[in-house]
Protein backbone atom coordinates (compact mmCIF):
# COMPACT_ATOMS: atom_id res chain seq x y z
CA MET A 1 -32.55 -6.88 -45.26
CA THR A 2 -32.50 -6.88 -48.98
CA SER A 3 -29.31 -6.63 -50.97
CA GLU A 4 -28.85 -4.87 -54.46
CA GLN A 5 -28.84 -6.69 -57.38
CA CYS A 6 -25.67 -6.58 -59.90
CA PRO A 7 -26.54 -5.46 -63.37
CA VAL A 8 -24.14 -7.94 -65.08
CA CYS A 9 -25.09 -11.35 -63.48
CA SER A 10 -28.53 -9.94 -61.78
CA LYS A 11 -27.53 -12.10 -58.58
CA ALA A 12 -27.43 -10.07 -55.13
CA VAL A 13 -24.60 -8.15 -54.21
CA TYR A 14 -23.50 -8.10 -50.37
CA PRO A 15 -21.63 -5.51 -48.79
CA MET A 16 -18.07 -7.39 -48.92
CA GLU A 17 -18.01 -7.79 -52.34
CA LYS A 18 -19.66 -4.75 -53.62
CA ILE A 19 -18.42 -1.79 -55.64
CA ASN A 20 -20.60 0.89 -56.57
CA ILE A 21 -20.12 2.68 -60.06
CA ASP A 22 -22.49 5.33 -61.65
CA GLY A 23 -25.19 4.67 -58.80
CA LYS A 24 -25.04 0.92 -59.60
CA ALA A 25 -23.94 -1.91 -57.35
CA PHE A 26 -21.50 -4.55 -59.13
CA HIS A 27 -19.68 -7.50 -57.83
CA ARG A 28 -15.95 -6.64 -57.76
CA GLY A 29 -15.53 -9.77 -60.47
CA CYS A 30 -18.24 -8.38 -62.79
CA PHE A 31 -16.85 -4.92 -63.30
CA ARG A 32 -14.98 -5.52 -66.59
CA CYS A 33 -13.94 -3.82 -69.45
CA ALA A 34 -16.28 -3.99 -72.15
CA HIS A 35 -13.04 -4.43 -74.55
CA CYS A 36 -11.01 -6.88 -73.08
CA LYS A 37 -12.99 -7.88 -70.49
CA GLY A 38 -10.26 -7.54 -67.69
CA THR A 39 -11.61 -6.73 -64.22
CA LEU A 40 -11.71 -3.03 -63.10
CA LYS A 41 -11.05 -1.00 -60.21
CA LEU A 42 -12.17 2.35 -58.85
CA GLY A 43 -9.00 4.04 -60.04
CA ASN A 44 -8.55 2.35 -63.68
CA PHE A 45 -11.78 2.87 -65.78
CA THR A 46 -13.58 5.27 -68.02
CA ALA A 47 -17.14 5.22 -68.60
CA LEU A 48 -18.47 5.96 -72.44
CA GLU A 49 -22.27 5.74 -72.94
CA GLY A 50 -22.90 3.50 -70.18
CA LEU A 51 -20.13 1.01 -70.83
CA PHE A 52 -16.83 0.56 -68.94
CA TYR A 53 -13.31 0.55 -70.28
CA CYS A 54 -9.76 0.26 -68.90
CA LYS A 55 -7.97 3.27 -69.69
CA PRO A 56 -5.28 1.71 -72.08
CA HIS A 57 -8.08 0.43 -74.36
CA LEU A 58 -9.91 3.49 -74.40
CA ILE A 59 -6.87 5.21 -75.47
CA GLN A 60 -5.87 2.62 -77.90
CA MET A 61 -9.42 2.56 -79.24
CA PHE A 62 -9.33 6.12 -79.68
CA LYS A 63 -6.13 6.34 -81.36
CA GLU A 64 -7.20 3.65 -83.63
CA LYS A 65 -9.76 5.75 -85.02
CA GLY A 66 -9.24 9.26 -83.77
CA ASN A 67 -12.66 9.49 -82.61
CA TYR A 68 -15.09 8.22 -79.89
CA ASP A 69 -17.68 6.85 -82.47
CA GLU A 70 -16.17 4.86 -84.97
CA GLY A 71 -13.50 3.55 -82.65
CA PHE A 72 -16.28 2.39 -80.41
CA GLY A 73 -18.07 0.71 -83.31
CA ARG A 74 -20.83 3.42 -83.65
CA GLU A 75 -21.54 5.53 -86.66
CA GLN A 76 -19.62 8.85 -86.92
CA HIS A 77 -21.48 12.02 -86.28
CA LYS A 78 -20.05 13.40 -89.47
CA THR A 79 -22.12 10.87 -91.58
CA LYS A 80 -25.34 11.73 -89.63
CA TRP A 81 -24.78 15.15 -90.38
CA ALA A 82 -24.10 14.63 -94.13
CA GLN A 83 -27.66 12.55 -94.27
CA SER A 84 -29.21 15.41 -92.72
CA ALA A 85 -27.86 17.89 -95.19
CA LYS A 86 -28.70 15.90 -98.16
CA ALA A 87 -32.44 15.69 -96.73
CA SER A 88 -32.82 19.41 -96.33
CA GLU A 89 -31.94 19.91 -99.86
């Protein structure tokens, strides 16, 4: 019997310690918020572009910047649109 590998620590994940998220098997202790590193559970997380966040921090980060880009360290789409518009002139 082969066990699955945790995408966080790359160690084998056995059934008693496994949590399945988005088709991947994590150790319960490895499934953590990308912002605060708190342990997540099935009912208290949100996924955004491959990263997992606890709901309070997802809401907090969204409220700080008002969008899902700048609040999470990515370039805003409006910046990309402005660059595209300048290039087409």
